[in-house]
Amino acid sequence: MVERRVEVIHLGVIDYQQCLDMMKELQQKRMNDQIVDTLLLLEHPEIVTVGPRARNDGIAPPEGYANQPVDRGGGLTWHGPGQIVAYPIFKWNLEGENSVATIIELIEAWIIAALKKCGIHSQRDSRMQGVWVKGYKISSIGLSFLRWTSRHGFTINIDTPQGRVEGLAGCGLNAETTTCLNRLGHAIERQEVIQALLETMEVNVSRSPE
């Protein structure tokens, strides 16, 4: 098997702009093979990032949400307490990693496998990329690439403040479509999900057949 070596960095709670600057620096280093693939795990203070799809469609966050434009794919994404944020600074060069769509599917499968390990059934949904539970979106995915090296990543909503993530609409989805696992009846700790992500990473995004 050809395997991806990944360094995992736990950042705790970190300001979005500070983390964005870090991602850009790490992306450049990864492109130049100065570092191995790197996974950042963290949480942001509350902010809504506004991707190009939302800007092109004229969709803005509701009043009362701090927001920032970003260059990753997708529309509006809420960040804040009770959410796992994962940023894979990966050079996607293993066998089969030959399109953005395929890479998104690999990440979706990784999240689905991790949640299954936690006893939670989840799936894809034709309405939008990401991962869904009981018809609600609980995980958003949005990446930006340079020379097939990614930054940005995905979120998993564990126990977010009441009404915040549910208050966002955009990119063809109504408000209340996105929620968190806790409000769907899954009282799970974030560390359990993080551990499951780490345990399922190797099979799902860190190896390919020789």
N, C-alpha and C. Protein backbone atom coordinates (compact mmCIF):
# COMPACT_ATOMS: atom_id res chain seq x y z
N MET A 1 0.83 -1.21 0.00
CA MET A 1 0.00 0.00 0.00
C MET A 1 0.87 1.26 0.00
N VAL A 2 0.44 2.26 -0.75
CA VAL A 2 1.06 3.58 -0.69
C VAL A 2 0.30 4.39 0.34
N GLU A 3 1.01 4.94 1.31
CA GLU A 3 0.34 5.61 2.42
C GLU A 3 0.73 7.08 2.50
N ARG A 4 -0.21 7.87 3.00
CA ARG A 4 0.00 9.29 3.24
C ARG A 4 0.42 9.48 4.70
N ARG A 5 1.53 10.14 4.91
CA ARG A 5 1.96 10.46 6.27
C ARG A 5 1.32 11.78 6.68
N VAL A 6 0.65 11.78 7.82
CA VAL A 6 -0.10 12.96 8.25
C VAL A 6 0.34 13.38 9.65
N GLU A 7 0.67 14.65 9.79
CA GLU A 7 0.88 15.23 11.11
C GLU A 7 -0.41 15.89 11.56
N VAL A 8 -0.86 15.57 12.76
CA VAL A 8 -2.11 16.14 13.29
C VAL A 8 -1.76 17.21 14.32
N ILE A 9 -2.34 18.41 14.13
CA ILE A 9 -2.09 19.53 15.04
C ILE A 9 -3.41 19.96 15.67
N HIS A 10 -3.49 19.89 16.99
CA HIS A 10 -4.69 20.33 17.72
C HIS A 10 -4.47 21.79 18.15
N LEU A 11 -5.31 22.69 17.66
CA LEU A 11 -5.11 24.12 17.90
C LEU A 11 -6.05 24.70 18.95
N GLY A 12 -7.03 23.93 19.42
CA GLY A 12 -7.99 24.49 20.36
C GLY A 12 -8.86 25.54 19.69
N VAL A 13 -9.20 26.59 20.42
CA VAL A 13 -10.00 27.68 19.86
C VAL A 13 -9.05 28.72 19.28
N ILE A 14 -9.23 29.05 18.00
CA ILE A 14 -8.32 29.96 17.32
C ILE A 14 -9.10 30.90 16.41
N ASP A 15 -8.72 32.17 16.42
CA ASP A 15 -9.35 33.19 15.58
C ASP A 15 -9.28 32.78 14.11
N TYR A 16 -10.34 33.08 13.37
CA TYR A 16 -10.41 32.62 11.98
C TYR A 16 -9.27 33.21 11.14
N GLN A 17 -9.04 34.51 11.22
CA GLN A 17 -8.01 35.13 10.38
C GLN A 17 -6.63 34.58 10.73
N GLN A 18 -6.37 34.39 12.00
CA GLN A 18 -5.09 33.82 12.40
C GLN A 18 -4.90 32.43 11.79
N CYS A 19 -5.96 31.63 11.82
CA CYS A 19 -5.88 30.28 11.27
C CYS A 19 -5.74 30.33 9.74
N LEU A 20 -6.43 31.27 9.09
CA LEU A 20 -6.33 31.40 7.64
C LEU A 20 -4.89 31.71 7.23
N ASP A 21 -4.25 32.61 7.95
CA ASP A 21 -2.85 32.92 7.66
C ASP A 21 -1.97 31.69 7.83
N MET A 22 -2.24 30.91 8.88
CA MET A 22 -1.49 29.69 9.12
C MET A 22 -1.70 28.69 7.98
N MET A 23 -2.94 28.53 7.53
CA MET A 23 -3.24 27.60 6.44
C MET A 23 -2.49 27.97 5.16
N LYS A 24 -2.46 29.25 4.84
CA LYS A 24 -1.78 29.68 3.63
C LYS A 24 -0.29 29.37 3.71
N GLU A 25 0.30 29.61 4.87
CA GLU A 25 1.73 29.33 5.05
C GLU A 25 2.00 27.83 4.94
N LEU A 26 1.16 27.02 5.59
CA LEU A 26 1.35 25.58 5.53
C LEU A 26 1.12 25.03 4.13
N GLN A 27 0.17 25.61 3.41
CA GLN A 27 -0.09 25.16 2.04
C GLN A 27 1.14 25.38 1.16
N GLN A 28 1.76 26.53 1.28
CA GLN A 28 2.97 26.80 0.51
C GLN A 28 4.08 25.82 0.89
N LYS A 29 4.25 25.57 2.17
CA LYS A 29 5.28 24.64 2.61
C LYS A 29 5.01 23.23 2.11
N ARG A 30 3.72 22.84 2.11
CA ARG A 30 3.40 21.48 1.62
C ARG A 30 3.64 21.37 0.13
N MET A 31 3.30 22.40 -0.63
CA MET A 31 3.54 22.37 -2.07
C MET A 31 5.03 22.21 -2.37
N ASN A 32 5.86 22.81 -1.52
CA ASN A 32 7.31 22.75 -1.71
C ASN A 32 7.95 21.56 -1.00
N ASP A 33 7.11 20.66 -0.47
CA ASP A 33 7.58 19.45 0.23
C ASP A 33 8.47 19.78 1.42
N GLN A 34 8.21 20.92 2.06
CA GLN A 34 8.94 21.27 3.29
C GLN A 34 8.31 20.63 4.52
N ILE A 35 7.04 20.21 4.41
CA ILE A 35 6.34 19.52 5.49
C ILE A 35 5.56 18.35 4.88
N VAL A 36 5.14 17.44 5.74
CA VAL A 36 4.26 16.36 5.29
C VAL A 36 2.82 16.87 5.32
N ASP A 37 1.89 16.06 4.83
CA ASP A 37 0.48 16.42 4.92
C ASP A 37 0.13 16.70 6.38
N THR A 38 -0.69 17.73 6.57
CA THR A 38 -0.96 18.22 7.92
C THR A 38 -2.45 18.41 8.12
N LEU A 39 -2.98 17.88 9.21
CA LEU A 39 -4.39 18.03 9.55
C LEU A 39 -4.52 18.94 10.76
N LEU A 40 -5.21 20.07 10.59
CA LEU A 40 -5.48 20.99 11.69
C LEU A 40 -6.86 20.69 12.27
N LEU A 41 -6.94 20.49 13.58
CA LEU A 41 -8.21 20.27 14.27
C LEU A 41 -8.41 21.39 15.27
N LEU A 42 -9.59 22.04 15.24
CA LEU A 42 -9.76 23.27 16.01
C LEU A 42 -11.22 23.66 16.15
N GLU A 43 -11.41 24.81 16.78
CA GLU A 43 -12.72 25.44 16.88
C GLU A 43 -12.51 26.94 16.69
N HIS A 44 -13.45 27.60 16.03
CA HIS A 44 -13.36 29.06 15.85
C HIS A 44 -14.37 29.77 16.75
N PRO A 45 -14.03 31.00 17.22
CA PRO A 45 -15.08 31.87 17.74
C PRO A 45 -16.11 32.11 16.63
N GLU A 46 -17.33 32.46 17.02
CA GLU A 46 -18.41 32.50 16.02
C GLU A 46 -18.10 33.44 14.85
N ILE A 47 -18.25 32.89 13.64
CA ILE A 47 -18.10 33.67 12.41
C ILE A 47 -18.77 32.88 11.29
N VAL A 48 -19.30 33.57 10.30
CA VAL A 48 -19.84 32.94 9.11
C VAL A 48 -18.91 33.26 7.95
N THR A 49 -18.39 32.24 7.31
CA THR A 49 -17.55 32.45 6.13
C THR A 49 -18.44 32.41 4.88
N VAL A 50 -18.13 33.31 3.95
CA VAL A 50 -18.98 33.51 2.77
C VAL A 50 -18.17 33.12 1.54
N GLY A 51 -18.50 31.97 0.97
CA GLY A 51 -17.80 31.48 -0.21
C GLY A 51 -18.29 32.13 -1.49
N PRO A 52 -17.60 31.89 -2.60
CA PRO A 52 -17.94 32.53 -3.87
C PRO A 52 -19.34 32.20 -4.38
N ARG A 53 -19.81 31.00 -4.10
CA ARG A 53 -21.15 30.65 -4.58
C ARG A 53 -22.20 31.54 -3.93
N ALA A 54 -22.05 31.79 -2.63
CA ALA A 54 -23.00 32.67 -1.94
C ALA A 54 -22.89 34.10 -2.47
N ARG A 55 -21.65 34.57 -2.68
CA ARG A 55 -21.48 35.94 -3.18
C ARG A 55 -22.07 36.08 -4.58
N ASN A 56 -21.86 35.07 -5.41
CA ASN A 56 -22.40 35.13 -6.78
C ASN A 56 -23.92 35.12 -6.79
N ASP A 57 -24.52 34.43 -5.81
CA ASP A 57 -25.98 34.34 -5.73
C ASP A 57 -26.59 35.48 -4.92
N GLY A 58 -25.74 36.39 -4.42
CA GLY A 58 -26.24 37.51 -3.63
C GLY A 58 -26.76 37.10 -2.27
N ILE A 59 -26.23 36.01 -1.70
CA ILE A 59 -26.70 35.50 -0.41
C ILE A 59 -25.75 36.00 0.68
N ALA A 60 -26.29 36.66 1.67
CA ALA A 60 -25.49 37.20 2.78
C ALA A 60 -25.99 36.61 4.09
N PRO A 61 -25.14 36.56 5.11
CA PRO A 61 -25.60 36.08 6.42
C PRO A 61 -26.65 37.02 7.00
N PRO A 62 -27.53 36.53 7.85
CA PRO A 62 -28.48 37.40 8.54
C PRO A 62 -27.75 38.41 9.42
N GLU A 63 -28.46 39.47 9.78
CA GLU A 63 -27.87 40.46 10.70
C GLU A 63 -27.52 39.78 12.02
N GLY A 64 -26.43 40.23 12.61
CA GLY A 64 -26.01 39.70 13.89
C GLY A 64 -24.97 38.61 13.81
N TYR A 65 -24.59 38.23 12.58
CA TYR A 65 -23.55 37.22 12.40
C TYR A 65 -22.28 37.92 11.90
N ALA A 66 -21.18 37.80 12.65
CA ALA A 66 -19.90 38.25 12.11
C ALA A 66 -19.59 37.41 10.88
N ASN A 67 -19.01 38.02 9.84
CA ASN A 67 -18.78 37.25 8.63
C ASN A 67 -17.50 37.68 7.93
N GLN A 68 -17.03 36.83 7.04
CA GLN A 68 -15.79 37.08 6.31
C GLN A 68 -15.82 36.35 4.97
N PRO A 69 -15.49 37.04 3.87
CA PRO A 69 -15.40 36.35 2.57
C PRO A 69 -14.20 35.42 2.54
N VAL A 70 -14.35 34.28 1.86
CA VAL A 70 -13.26 33.30 1.75
C VAL A 70 -13.22 32.76 0.32
N ASP A 71 -12.11 32.07 0.00
CA ASP A 71 -11.92 31.59 -1.36
C ASP A 71 -12.14 30.09 -1.51
N ARG A 72 -12.68 29.43 -0.49
CA ARG A 72 -12.99 28.00 -0.64
C ARG A 72 -14.31 27.84 -1.38
N GLY A 73 -14.55 26.62 -1.88
CA GLY A 73 -15.80 26.38 -2.58
C GLY A 73 -17.00 26.45 -1.65
N GLY A 74 -18.17 26.68 -2.23
CA GLY A 74 -19.40 26.62 -1.45
C GLY A 74 -19.96 27.99 -1.10
N GLY A 75 -20.93 27.98 -0.20
CA GLY A 75 -21.66 29.19 0.15
C GLY A 75 -21.37 29.66 1.56
N LEU A 76 -22.43 29.75 2.37
CA LEU A 76 -22.28 30.21 3.75
C LEU A 76 -21.96 29.02 4.66
N THR A 77 -20.99 29.20 5.53
CA THR A 77 -20.66 28.18 6.53
C THR A 77 -20.50 28.83 7.89
N TRP A 78 -21.25 28.34 8.86
CA TRP A 78 -21.17 28.84 10.23
C TRP A 78 -20.03 28.15 10.96
N HIS A 79 -19.26 28.92 11.72
CA HIS A 79 -18.25 28.38 12.62
C HIS A 79 -18.51 28.92 14.01
N GLY A 80 -18.27 28.10 15.02
CA GLY A 80 -18.45 28.58 16.37
C GLY A 80 -18.38 27.47 17.38
N PRO A 81 -18.78 27.76 18.63
CA PRO A 81 -18.72 26.78 19.71
C PRO A 81 -19.53 25.53 19.38
N GLY A 82 -19.05 24.38 19.86
CA GLY A 82 -19.77 23.13 19.67
C GLY A 82 -19.57 22.51 18.30
N GLN A 83 -18.57 22.96 17.58
CA GLN A 83 -18.33 22.47 16.22
C GLN A 83 -16.88 22.02 16.08
N ILE A 84 -16.67 20.89 15.43
CA ILE A 84 -15.32 20.46 15.05
C ILE A 84 -15.00 21.04 13.69
N VAL A 85 -13.83 21.68 13.59
CA VAL A 85 -13.34 22.17 12.30
C VAL A 85 -12.07 21.39 11.98
N ALA A 86 -12.00 20.86 10.77
CA ALA A 86 -10.83 20.10 10.33
C ALA A 86 -10.33 20.66 9.00
N TYR A 87 -9.06 21.04 8.98
CA TYR A 87 -8.46 21.59 7.76
C TYR A 87 -7.33 20.67 7.30
N PRO A 88 -7.57 19.84 6.28
CA PRO A 88 -6.50 19.00 5.75
C PRO A 88 -5.61 19.77 4.76
N ILE A 89 -4.38 20.03 5.16
CA ILE A 89 -3.40 20.65 4.25
C ILE A 89 -2.67 19.48 3.60
N PHE A 90 -3.33 18.90 2.60
CA PHE A 90 -2.86 17.67 1.98
C PHE A 90 -2.45 17.94 0.53
N LYS A 91 -1.43 17.24 0.10
CA LYS A 91 -1.11 17.16 -1.33
C LYS A 91 -1.80 15.89 -1.84
N TRP A 92 -2.84 16.10 -2.64
CA TRP A 92 -3.68 14.98 -3.08
C TRP A 92 -3.05 14.35 -4.31
N ASN A 93 -2.15 13.38 -4.08
CA ASN A 93 -1.42 12.79 -5.20
C ASN A 93 -1.37 11.27 -5.13
N LEU A 94 -2.26 10.66 -4.31
CA LEU A 94 -2.35 9.22 -4.30
C LEU A 94 -3.24 8.74 -5.45
N GLU A 95 -3.18 7.46 -5.73
CA GLU A 95 -3.96 6.91 -6.84
C GLU A 95 -5.45 7.20 -6.65
N GLY A 96 -6.10 7.68 -7.70
CA GLY A 96 -7.53 7.97 -7.67
C GLY A 96 -7.89 9.37 -7.23
N GLU A 97 -6.92 10.11 -6.71
CA GLU A 97 -7.19 11.48 -6.26
C GLU A 97 -6.96 12.44 -7.43
N ASN A 98 -7.80 12.29 -8.46
CA ASN A 98 -7.55 12.99 -9.72
C ASN A 98 -8.60 14.02 -10.08
N SER A 99 -9.50 14.34 -9.15
CA SER A 99 -10.48 15.40 -9.41
C SER A 99 -10.97 15.95 -8.07
N VAL A 100 -11.45 17.18 -8.11
CA VAL A 100 -11.99 17.78 -6.88
C VAL A 100 -13.20 16.98 -6.40
N ALA A 101 -14.04 16.53 -7.34
CA ALA A 101 -15.23 15.77 -6.95
C ALA A 101 -14.85 14.49 -6.21
N THR A 102 -13.81 13.81 -6.70
CA THR A 102 -13.37 12.57 -6.06
C THR A 102 -12.83 12.85 -4.65
N ILE A 103 -12.08 13.94 -4.51
CA ILE A 103 -11.53 14.29 -3.19
C ILE A 103 -12.65 14.61 -2.21
N ILE A 104 -13.66 15.35 -2.66
CA ILE A 104 -14.81 15.64 -1.80
C ILE A 104 -15.49 14.34 -1.37
N GLU A 105 -15.64 13.40 -2.30
CA GLU A 105 -16.27 12.12 -1.98
C GLU A 105 -15.44 11.34 -0.96
N LEU A 106 -14.11 11.40 -1.07
CA LEU A 106 -13.25 10.74 -0.09
C LEU A 106 -13.47 11.32 1.31
N ILE A 107 -13.56 12.65 1.38
CA ILE A 107 -13.76 13.29 2.68
C ILE A 107 -15.15 12.95 3.24
N GLU A 108 -16.17 12.96 2.37
CA GLU A 108 -17.51 12.56 2.83
C GLU A 108 -17.49 11.14 3.40
N ALA A 109 -16.83 10.22 2.68
CA ALA A 109 -16.76 8.83 3.14
C ALA A 109 -16.02 8.73 4.47
N TRP A 110 -15.00 9.55 4.64
CA TRP A 110 -14.23 9.58 5.89
C TRP A 110 -15.13 10.02 7.06
N ILE A 111 -15.89 11.09 6.87
CA ILE A 111 -16.78 11.58 7.93
C ILE A 111 -17.86 10.54 8.24
N ILE A 112 -18.44 9.94 7.20
CA ILE A 112 -19.47 8.93 7.39
C ILE A 112 -18.92 7.74 8.18
N ALA A 113 -17.69 7.32 7.86
CA ALA A 113 -17.06 6.20 8.58
C ALA A 113 -16.80 6.56 10.04
N ALA A 114 -16.36 7.79 10.29
CA ALA A 114 -16.10 8.22 11.66
C ALA A 114 -17.39 8.25 12.48
N LEU A 115 -18.46 8.79 11.90
CA LEU A 115 -19.73 8.83 12.62
C LEU A 115 -20.28 7.42 12.86
N LYS A 116 -20.09 6.53 11.89
CA LYS A 116 -20.52 5.14 12.08
C LYS A 116 -19.81 4.52 13.27
N LYS A 117 -18.53 4.83 13.42
CA LYS A 117 -17.75 4.32 14.56
C LYS A 117 -18.33 4.82 15.88
N CYS A 118 -18.98 5.99 15.82
CA CYS A 118 -19.62 6.56 17.02
C CYS A 118 -21.07 6.10 17.17
N GLY A 119 -21.52 5.19 16.30
CA GLY A 119 -22.88 4.69 16.38
C GLY A 119 -23.92 5.58 15.72
N ILE A 120 -23.49 6.47 14.83
CA ILE A 120 -24.39 7.41 14.16
C ILE A 120 -24.44 7.10 12.67
N HIS A 121 -25.64 6.83 12.16
CA HIS A 121 -25.82 6.59 10.73
C HIS A 121 -25.93 7.92 9.99
N SER A 122 -25.10 8.11 8.98
CA SER A 122 -25.13 9.33 8.19
C SER A 122 -24.97 8.96 6.72
N GLN A 123 -25.20 9.93 5.84
CA GLN A 123 -25.14 9.65 4.41
C GLN A 123 -24.91 10.93 3.63
N ARG A 124 -24.65 10.75 2.33
CA ARG A 124 -24.64 11.88 1.41
C ARG A 124 -26.08 12.26 1.07
N ASP A 125 -26.24 13.42 0.43
CA ASP A 125 -27.57 13.89 0.02
C ASP A 125 -27.41 14.64 -1.29
N SER A 126 -28.34 14.43 -2.21
CA SER A 126 -28.24 15.04 -3.53
C SER A 126 -28.38 16.55 -3.50
N ARG A 127 -28.87 17.11 -2.41
CA ARG A 127 -29.09 18.56 -2.36
C ARG A 127 -27.78 19.33 -2.32
N MET A 128 -26.74 18.78 -1.68
CA MET A 128 -25.49 19.51 -1.54
C MET A 128 -24.43 18.57 -0.99
N GLN A 129 -23.17 18.82 -1.37
CA GLN A 129 -22.08 18.04 -0.79
C GLN A 129 -22.04 18.25 0.72
N GLY A 130 -21.49 17.28 1.41
CA GLY A 130 -21.47 17.31 2.86
C GLY A 130 -22.01 16.00 3.39
N VAL A 131 -22.28 15.95 4.68
CA VAL A 131 -22.80 14.73 5.31
C VAL A 131 -24.08 15.09 6.07
N TRP A 132 -25.05 14.18 5.99
CA TRP A 132 -26.40 14.44 6.48
C TRP A 132 -26.83 13.33 7.44
N VAL A 133 -27.64 13.69 8.43
CA VAL A 133 -28.21 12.75 9.39
C VAL A 133 -29.71 13.04 9.49
N LYS A 134 -30.51 12.03 9.24
CA LYS A 134 -31.98 12.16 9.34
C LYS A 134 -32.51 13.31 8.49
N GLY A 135 -31.89 13.54 7.33
CA GLY A 135 -32.34 14.59 6.42
C GLY A 135 -31.83 15.98 6.74
N TYR A 136 -30.99 16.11 7.76
CA TYR A 136 -30.41 17.40 8.13
C TYR A 136 -28.91 17.39 7.86
N LYS A 137 -28.41 18.52 7.41
CA LYS A 137 -26.98 18.63 7.15
C LYS A 137 -26.24 18.92 8.46
N ILE A 138 -25.26 18.08 8.77
CA ILE A 138 -24.49 18.28 10.01
C ILE A 138 -23.01 18.50 9.71
N SER A 139 -22.62 18.37 8.44
CA SER A 139 -21.22 18.55 8.07
C SER A 139 -21.13 19.26 6.73
N SER A 140 -20.33 20.33 6.68
CA SER A 140 -20.11 21.08 5.45
C SER A 140 -18.66 20.88 5.00
N ILE A 141 -18.45 20.88 3.68
CA ILE A 141 -17.12 20.68 3.11
C ILE A 141 -16.86 21.78 2.08
N GLY A 142 -15.71 22.41 2.18
CA GLY A 142 -15.31 23.42 1.20
C GLY A 142 -13.79 23.53 1.17
N LEU A 143 -13.19 23.32 0.01
CA LEU A 143 -11.74 23.32 -0.13
C LEU A 143 -11.29 24.36 -1.13
N SER A 144 -10.03 24.75 -1.00
CA SER A 144 -9.36 25.60 -1.98
C SER A 144 -8.05 24.91 -2.33
N PHE A 145 -7.70 24.89 -3.61
CA PHE A 145 -6.53 24.14 -4.06
C PHE A 145 -5.51 25.04 -4.77
N LEU A 146 -4.25 24.74 -4.53
CA LEU A 146 -3.14 25.23 -5.34
C LEU A 146 -2.25 24.04 -5.65
N ARG A 147 -2.04 23.78 -6.92
CA ARG A 147 -1.22 22.63 -7.35
C ARG A 147 -1.63 21.36 -6.61
N TRP A 148 -2.94 21.14 -6.51
CA TRP A 148 -3.53 19.95 -5.90
C TRP A 148 -3.20 19.82 -4.42
N THR A 149 -2.84 20.93 -3.80
CA THR A 149 -2.64 20.96 -2.36
C THR A 149 -3.77 21.78 -1.75
N SER A 150 -4.47 21.21 -0.79
CA SER A 150 -5.69 21.84 -0.27
C SER A 150 -5.46 22.66 0.98
N ARG A 151 -6.34 23.62 1.18
CA ARG A 151 -6.55 24.25 2.47
C ARG A 151 -8.05 24.45 2.64
N HIS A 152 -8.46 25.00 3.77
CA HIS A 152 -9.85 24.93 4.22
C HIS A 152 -10.19 23.46 4.45
N GLY A 153 -11.45 23.09 4.56
CA GLY A 153 -11.74 21.70 4.88
C GLY A 153 -13.19 21.43 5.20
N PHE A 154 -13.45 20.91 6.41
CA PHE A 154 -14.83 20.52 6.73
C PHE A 154 -15.16 20.79 8.19
N THR A 155 -16.45 20.80 8.46
CA THR A 155 -16.97 21.01 9.81
C THR A 155 -17.89 19.86 10.18
N ILE A 156 -17.99 19.57 11.46
CA ILE A 156 -19.01 18.66 11.99
C ILE A 156 -19.67 19.36 13.18
N ASN A 157 -20.97 19.55 13.10
CA ASN A 157 -21.70 20.24 14.15
C ASN A 157 -22.09 19.25 15.26
N ILE A 158 -21.50 19.44 16.43
CA ILE A 158 -21.73 18.52 17.55
C ILE A 158 -22.83 19.03 18.47
N ASP A 159 -22.63 20.20 19.05
CA ASP A 159 -23.61 20.78 20.00
C ASP A 159 -23.51 22.30 19.92
N THR A 160 -23.97 22.85 18.82
CA THR A 160 -23.85 24.28 18.55
C THR A 160 -24.95 25.06 19.27
N PRO A 161 -24.75 26.37 19.52
CA PRO A 161 -25.77 27.16 20.22
C PRO A 161 -27.11 27.13 19.50
N GLN A 162 -28.17 27.09 20.26
CA GLN A 162 -29.51 26.98 19.71
C GLN A 162 -29.79 28.05 18.66
N GLY A 163 -30.22 27.62 17.49
CA GLY A 163 -30.70 28.52 16.46
C GLY A 163 -29.64 29.16 15.58
N ARG A 164 -28.34 29.05 15.91
CA ARG A 164 -27.33 29.78 15.14
C ARG A 164 -27.08 29.14 13.78
N VAL A 165 -26.63 27.89 13.79
CA VAL A 165 -26.38 27.25 12.50
C VAL A 165 -27.70 27.02 11.76
N GLU A 166 -28.79 26.83 12.50
CA GLU A 166 -30.10 26.64 11.87
C GLU A 166 -30.61 27.90 11.19
N GLY A 167 -30.06 29.06 11.58
CA GLY A 167 -30.55 30.33 11.03
C GLY A 167 -30.01 30.69 9.67
N LEU A 168 -29.09 29.89 9.14
CA LEU A 168 -28.48 30.21 7.85
C LEU A 168 -29.20 29.49 6.72
N ALA A 169 -29.41 30.21 5.62
CA ALA A 169 -29.94 29.61 4.39
C ALA A 169 -28.99 30.01 3.26
N GLY A 170 -29.03 29.25 2.21
CA GLY A 170 -28.19 29.62 1.07
C GLY A 170 -27.88 28.46 0.17
N CYS A 171 -27.50 28.77 -1.06
CA CYS A 171 -27.11 27.76 -2.05
C CYS A 171 -28.20 26.70 -2.23
N GLY A 172 -29.45 27.15 -2.28
CA GLY A 172 -30.55 26.24 -2.53
C GLY A 172 -31.12 25.56 -1.30
N LEU A 173 -30.54 25.82 -0.13
CA LEU A 173 -31.05 25.21 1.11
C LEU A 173 -31.83 26.24 1.91
N ASN A 174 -32.91 25.78 2.54
CA ASN A 174 -33.68 26.66 3.41
C ASN A 174 -33.02 26.74 4.78
N ALA A 175 -33.35 27.81 5.52
CA ALA A 175 -32.97 27.85 6.93
C ALA A 175 -33.57 26.63 7.62
N GLU A 176 -32.96 26.20 8.69
CA GLU A 176 -33.35 25.02 9.47
C GLU A 176 -32.93 23.71 8.81
N THR A 177 -32.28 23.76 7.63
CA THR A 177 -31.82 22.52 7.00
C THR A 177 -30.56 22.00 7.67
N THR A 178 -29.72 22.91 8.14
CA THR A 178 -28.49 22.52 8.83
C THR A 178 -28.73 22.55 10.34
N THR A 179 -28.19 21.56 11.03
CA THR A 179 -28.34 21.52 12.49
C THR A 179 -27.13 20.80 13.08
N CYS A 180 -27.25 20.37 14.34
CA CYS A 180 -26.14 19.68 15.01
C CYS A 180 -26.62 18.31 15.50
N LEU A 181 -25.65 17.46 15.80
CA LEU A 181 -25.97 16.09 16.22
C LEU A 181 -26.77 16.06 17.52
N ASN A 182 -26.47 16.96 18.44
CA ASN A 182 -27.16 16.97 19.72
C ASN A 182 -28.66 17.16 19.53
N ARG A 183 -29.06 18.08 18.64
CA ARG A 183 -30.48 18.34 18.44
C ARG A 183 -31.16 17.25 17.63
N LEU A 184 -30.38 16.32 17.09
CA LEU A 184 -30.95 15.16 16.42
C LEU A 184 -30.97 13.94 17.33
N GLY A 185 -30.68 14.16 18.62
CA GLY A 185 -30.77 13.09 19.60
C GLY A 185 -29.48 12.35 19.86
N HIS A 186 -28.36 12.85 19.34
CA HIS A 186 -27.07 12.20 19.54
C HIS A 186 -26.24 13.01 20.54
N ALA A 187 -26.31 12.64 21.80
CA ALA A 187 -25.55 13.33 22.84
C ALA A 187 -24.14 12.76 22.88
N ILE A 188 -23.28 13.30 22.04
CA ILE A 188 -21.94 12.76 21.87
C ILE A 188 -20.91 13.83 22.17
N GLU A 189 -19.78 13.44 22.70
CA GLU A 189 -18.71 14.38 23.03
C GLU A 189 -17.84 14.62 21.80
N ARG A 190 -17.36 15.86 21.65
CA ARG A 190 -16.53 16.20 20.48
C ARG A 190 -15.27 15.35 20.43
N GLN A 191 -14.69 15.03 21.60
CA GLN A 191 -13.46 14.25 21.60
C GLN A 191 -13.68 12.85 21.05
N GLU A 192 -14.87 12.30 21.27
CA GLU A 192 -15.18 10.98 20.72
C GLU A 192 -15.20 11.03 19.20
N VAL A 193 -15.77 12.10 18.64
CA VAL A 193 -15.81 12.23 17.18
C VAL A 193 -14.41 12.48 16.62
N ILE A 194 -13.62 13.32 17.30
CA ILE A 194 -12.25 13.57 16.86
C ILE A 194 -11.45 12.27 16.84
N GLN A 195 -11.58 11.47 17.90
CA GLN A 195 -10.86 10.21 17.95
C GLN A 195 -11.29 9.29 16.81
N ALA A 196 -12.59 9.27 16.53
CA ALA A 196 -13.09 8.44 15.42
C ALA A 196 -12.55 8.93 14.08
N LEU A 197 -12.45 10.25 13.90
CA LEU A 197 -11.87 10.79 12.66
C LEU A 197 -10.42 10.33 12.50
N LEU A 198 -9.65 10.37 13.58
CA LEU A 198 -8.25 9.97 13.51
C LEU A 198 -8.13 8.47 13.25
N GLU A 199 -9.01 7.68 13.83
CA GLU A 199 -8.94 6.24 13.66
C GLU A 199 -9.37 5.79 12.27
N THR A 200 -10.22 6.55 11.60
CA THR A 200 -10.70 6.19 10.27
C THR A 200 -9.96 6.92 9.15
N MET A 201 -9.09 7.84 9.49
CA MET A 201 -8.39 8.63 8.47
C MET A 201 -7.52 7.76 7.57
N GLU A 202 -6.80 6.81 8.15
CA GLU A 202 -5.85 6.03 7.36
C GLU A 202 -6.53 5.29 6.23
N VAL A 203 -7.63 4.61 6.54
CA VAL A 203 -8.32 3.81 5.53
C VAL A 203 -8.97 4.69 4.47
N ASN A 204 -9.50 5.84 4.88
CA ASN A 204 -10.34 6.63 3.98
C ASN A 204 -9.57 7.65 3.14
N VAL A 205 -8.54 8.29 3.69
CA VAL A 205 -7.85 9.33 2.92
C VAL A 205 -6.34 9.23 2.99
N SER A 206 -5.81 8.16 3.56
CA SER A 206 -4.35 8.13 3.74
C SER A 206 -3.67 6.94 3.08
N ARG A 207 -4.37 6.23 2.22
CA ARG A 207 -3.70 5.15 1.52
C ARG A 207 -4.39 4.87 0.19
N SER A 208 -3.62 4.32 -0.74
CA SER A 208 -4.15 3.88 -2.01
C SER A 208 -3.42 2.60 -2.40
N PRO A 209 -4.02 1.77 -3.27
CA PRO A 209 -3.35 0.54 -3.68
C PRO A 209 -2.07 0.86 -4.44
N GLU A 210 -1.08 -0.02 -4.33
CA GLU A 210 0.15 0.16 -5.10
C GLU A 210 -0.13 -0.11 -6.57
